[in-house]
């Protein structure tokens, strides 16, 4: 993984509230998930923004601008990768997905399986 990789959390990955302030990512079937908490309330919208279009360095900078801790977010991304929940895209993967709204919707579903 490099700062130039583009992290993608597939849209089908469940984000579930776990108690008042924790968030569970994945793990609702037989696959492993990641539990973030107890102060993970602001992280859920950040996670849904992991659409693979921004480089990791930009993702981290945007997180800091949004009031999140850079090291904490870097740890979350590392945990998602270790659990197989995050897909790292290359710039070349993105070129194939810029064909319009219908192709973008299809690519959002197909691309994680194709590169994972």
C-alpha atoms as a PDB file:
ATOM      1  CA  UNK A   1       0.000   0.000   0.000  1.00  0.00           C
ATOM      2  CA  UNK A   2       1.256   3.470  -0.834  1.00  0.00           C
ATOM      3  CA  UNK A   3      -0.012   6.995  -0.329  1.00  0.00           C
ATOM      4  CA  UNK A   4      -0.994   6.929  -4.000  1.00  0.00           C
ATOM      5  CA  UNK A   5      -3.411   4.003  -3.583  1.00  0.00           C
ATOM      6  CA  UNK A   6      -7.098   4.905  -3.693  1.00  0.00           C
ATOM      7  CA  UNK A   7      -8.986   3.220  -0.805  1.00  0.00           C
ATOM      8  CA  UNK A   8     -12.444   1.880  -1.627  1.00  0.00           C
ATOM      9  CA  UNK A   9     -14.899   0.559   0.932  1.00  0.00           C
ATOM     10  CA  UNK A  10     -17.375  -1.318  -1.289  1.00  0.00           C
ATOM     11  CA  UNK A  11     -20.880   0.170  -1.005  1.00  0.00           C
ATOM     12  CA  UNK A  12     -22.298  -3.236  -0.041  1.00  0.00           C
ATOM     13  CA  UNK A  13     -20.147  -3.325   3.116  1.00  0.00           C
ATOM     14  CA  UNK A  14     -22.482  -2.904   6.100  1.00  0.00           C
ATOM     15  CA  UNK A  15     -21.870  -0.074   8.572  1.00  0.00           C
ATOM     16  CA  UNK A  16     -23.812  -0.791  11.740  1.00  0.00           C
ATOM     17  CA  UNK A  17     -24.245   1.194  14.928  1.00  0.00           C
ATOM     18  CA  UNK A  18     -23.022  -0.858  17.842  1.00  0.00           C
ATOM     19  CA  UNK A  19     -24.273   0.775  21.010  1.00  0.00           C
ATOM     20  CA  UNK A  20     -24.321   4.557  21.286  1.00  0.00           C
ATOM     21  CA  UNK A  21     -20.978   5.528  19.774  1.00  0.00           C
ATOM     22  CA  UNK A  22     -19.389   2.443  18.213  1.00  0.00           C
ATOM     23  CA  UNK A  23     -19.535   1.409  14.558  1.00  0.00           C
ATOM     24  CA  UNK A  24     -19.197  -2.130  13.205  1.00  0.00           C
ATOM     25  CA  UNK A  25     -17.880  -2.435   9.657  1.00  0.00           C
ATOM     26  CA  UNK A  26     -18.746  -5.720   7.956  1.00  0.00           C
ATOM     27  CA  UNK A  27     -18.829  -8.912   9.986  1.00  0.00           C
ATOM     28  CA  UNK A  28     -22.526  -9.653   9.607  1.00  0.00           C
ATOM     29  CA  UNK A  29     -21.941 -12.885   7.723  1.00  0.00           C
ATOM     30  CA  UNK A  30     -19.164 -15.405   8.196  1.00  0.00           C
ATOM     31  CA  UNK A  31     -16.503 -12.821   7.258  1.00  0.00           C
ATOM     32  CA  UNK A  32     -14.550 -10.843   9.823  1.00  0.00           C
ATOM     33  CA  UNK A  33     -15.585  -7.307  10.637  1.00  0.00           C
ATOM     34  CA  UNK A  34     -14.022  -4.368  12.412  1.00  0.00           C
ATOM     35  CA  UNK A  35     -15.514  -2.735  15.496  1.00  0.00           C
ATOM     36  CA  UNK A  36     -14.623   0.918  16.067  1.00  0.00           C
ATOM     37  CA  UNK A  37     -15.411   2.701  19.266  1.00  0.00           C
ATOM     38  CA  UNK A  38     -16.263   4.087  21.639  1.00  0.00           C
ATOM     39  CA  UNK A  39     -15.813   7.456  19.914  1.00  0.00           C
ATOM     40  CA  UNK A  40     -16.477   6.368  16.327  1.00  0.00           C
ATOM     41  CA  UNK A  41     -19.612   8.421  15.741  1.00  0.00           C
ATOM     42  CA  UNK A  42     -18.058  10.789  13.179  1.00  0.00           C
ATOM     43  CA  UNK A  43     -16.245   8.018  11.357  1.00  0.00           C
ATOM     44  CA  UNK A  44     -19.296   6.465   9.640  1.00  0.00           C
ATOM     45  CA  UNK A  45     -19.767   9.298   7.129  1.00  0.00           C
ATOM     46  CA  UNK A  46     -16.010   9.333   6.515  1.00  0.00           C
ATOM     47  CA  UNK A  47     -16.119   5.601   5.729  1.00  0.00           C
ATOM     48  CA  UNK A  48     -18.944   6.022   3.213  1.00  0.00           C
ATOM     49  CA  UNK A  49     -16.741   8.573   1.461  1.00  0.00           C
ATOM     50  CA  UNK A  50     -14.111   5.917   0.703  1.00  0.00           C
ATOM     51  CA  UNK A  51     -15.205   5.603  -2.912  1.00  0.00           C
ATOM     52  CA  UNK A  52     -11.788   4.890  -4.431  1.00  0.00           C
ATOM     53  CA  UNK A  53     -11.579   8.240  -6.213  1.00  0.00           C
ATOM     54  CA  UNK A  54      -9.077   9.921  -3.858  1.00  0.00           C
ATOM     55  CA  UNK A  55      -5.512   8.933  -3.049  1.00  0.00           C
ATOM     56  CA  UNK A  56      -4.874   7.858   0.532  1.00  0.00           C
ATOM     57  CA  UNK A  57      -2.882  11.026   1.274  1.00  0.00           C
ATOM     58  CA  UNK A  58      -5.919  13.081   0.191  1.00  0.00           C
ATOM     59  CA  UNK A  59      -8.266  10.889   2.231  1.00  0.00           C
ATOM     60  CA  UNK A  60      -6.140  11.494   5.340  1.00  0.00           C
ATOM     61  CA  UNK A  61      -5.929  15.251   4.695  1.00  0.00           C
ATOM     62  CA  UNK A  62      -9.713  15.425   4.226  1.00  0.00           C
ATOM     63  CA  UNK A  63     -10.225  13.495   7.466  1.00  0.00           C
ATOM     64  CA  UNK A  64      -8.087  16.001   9.374  1.00  0.00           C
ATOM     65  CA  UNK A  65     -10.034  18.899   7.808  1.00  0.00           C
ATOM     66  CA  UNK A  66     -13.195  17.149   8.977  1.00  0.00           C
ATOM     67  CA  UNK A  67     -11.943  17.067  12.567  1.00  0.00           C
ATOM     68  CA  UNK A  68     -10.782  13.447  12.673  1.00  0.00           C
ATOM     69  CA  UNK A  69      -7.423  12.295  14.007  1.00  0.00           C
ATOM     70  CA  UNK A  70      -4.946  11.485  11.225  1.00  0.00           C
ATOM     71  CA  UNK A  71      -3.240   8.628  13.078  1.00  0.00           C
ATOM     72  CA  UNK A  72      -6.581   7.207  14.162  1.00  0.00           C
ATOM     73  CA  UNK A  73      -7.893   7.213  10.596  1.00  0.00           C
ATOM     74  CA  UNK A  74      -4.648   5.674   9.318  1.00  0.00           C
ATOM     75  CA  UNK A  75      -5.137   2.893  11.898  1.00  0.00           C
ATOM     76  CA  UNK A  76      -8.742   2.393  10.778  1.00  0.00           C
ATOM     77  CA  UNK A  77      -7.625   2.084   7.146  1.00  0.00           C
ATOM     78  CA  UNK A  78      -4.914  -0.406   8.152  1.00  0.00           C
ATOM     79  CA  UNK A  79      -7.466  -2.446  10.129  1.00  0.00           C
ATOM     80  CA  UNK A  80      -9.886  -2.468   7.195  1.00  0.00           C
ATOM     81  CA  UNK A  81      -7.099  -3.659   4.895  1.00  0.00           C
ATOM     82  CA  UNK A  82      -6.014  -6.363   7.337  1.00  0.00           C
ATOM     83  CA  UNK A  83      -9.619  -7.582   7.542  1.00  0.00           C
ATOM     84  CA  UNK A  84     -10.003  -7.660   3.766  1.00  0.00           C
ATOM     85  CA  UNK A  85     -12.730  -5.012   3.887  1.00  0.00           C
ATOM     86  CA  UNK A  86     -10.886  -2.271   1.995  1.00  0.00           C
ATOM     87  CA  UNK A  87      -9.888  -2.466  -1.664  1.00  0.00           C
ATOM     88  CA  UNK A  88      -6.897  -0.427  -2.852  1.00  0.00           C
ATOM     89  CA  UNK A  89      -7.366   0.839  -6.386  1.00  0.00           C
ATOM     90  CA  UNK A  90      -4.706   2.140  -8.752  1.00  0.00           C
ATOM     91  CA  UNK A  91      -5.217   5.171 -10.964  1.00  0.00           C
ATOM     92  CA  UNK A  92      -5.536   2.799 -13.952  1.00  0.00           C
ATOM     93  CA  UNK A  93      -8.519   1.112 -12.277  1.00  0.00           C
ATOM     94  CA  UNK A  94     -10.242   4.491 -12.098  1.00  0.00           C
ATOM     95  CA  UNK A  95      -9.829   5.266 -15.796  1.00  0.00           C
ATOM     96  CA  UNK A  96     -12.045   2.300 -16.652  1.00  0.00           C
ATOM     97  CA  UNK A  97     -14.797   3.543 -14.341  1.00  0.00           C
ATOM     98  CA  UNK A  98     -15.311   7.068 -15.767  1.00  0.00           C
ATOM     99  CA  UNK A  99     -17.772   6.185 -18.532  1.00  0.00           C
ATOM    100  CA  UNK A 100     -20.954   7.791 -17.136  1.00  0.00           C
ATOM    101  CA  UNK A 101     -23.588   7.207 -14.452  1.00  0.00           C
ATOM    102  CA  UNK A 102     -24.725   3.759 -15.603  1.00  0.00           C
ATOM    103  CA  UNK A 103     -21.160   2.499 -15.899  1.00  0.00           C
ATOM    104  CA  UNK A 104     -20.265   4.082 -12.549  1.00  0.00           C
ATOM    105  CA  UNK A 105     -23.144   2.254 -10.845  1.00  0.00           C
ATOM    106  CA  UNK A 106     -22.126  -1.030 -12.436  1.00  0.00           C
ATOM    107  CA  UNK A 107     -18.450  -0.457 -11.658  1.00  0.00           C
ATOM    108  CA  UNK A 108     -19.195   0.238  -7.986  1.00  0.00           C
ATOM    109  CA  UNK A 109     -20.466  -3.326  -7.749  1.00  0.00           C
ATOM    110  CA  UNK A 110     -18.068  -5.096 -10.106  1.00  0.00           C
ATOM    111  CA  UNK A 111     -14.720  -3.381  -9.477  1.00  0.00           C
ATOM    112  CA  UNK A 112     -14.084  -4.668  -5.920  1.00  0.00           C
ATOM    113  CA  UNK A 113     -14.500  -8.260  -7.108  1.00  0.00           C
ATOM    114  CA  UNK A 114     -12.356  -7.686 -10.182  1.00  0.00           C
ATOM    115  CA  UNK A 115      -9.340  -6.256  -8.336  1.00  0.00           C
ATOM    116  CA  UNK A 116      -9.772  -8.092  -5.020  1.00  0.00           C
END
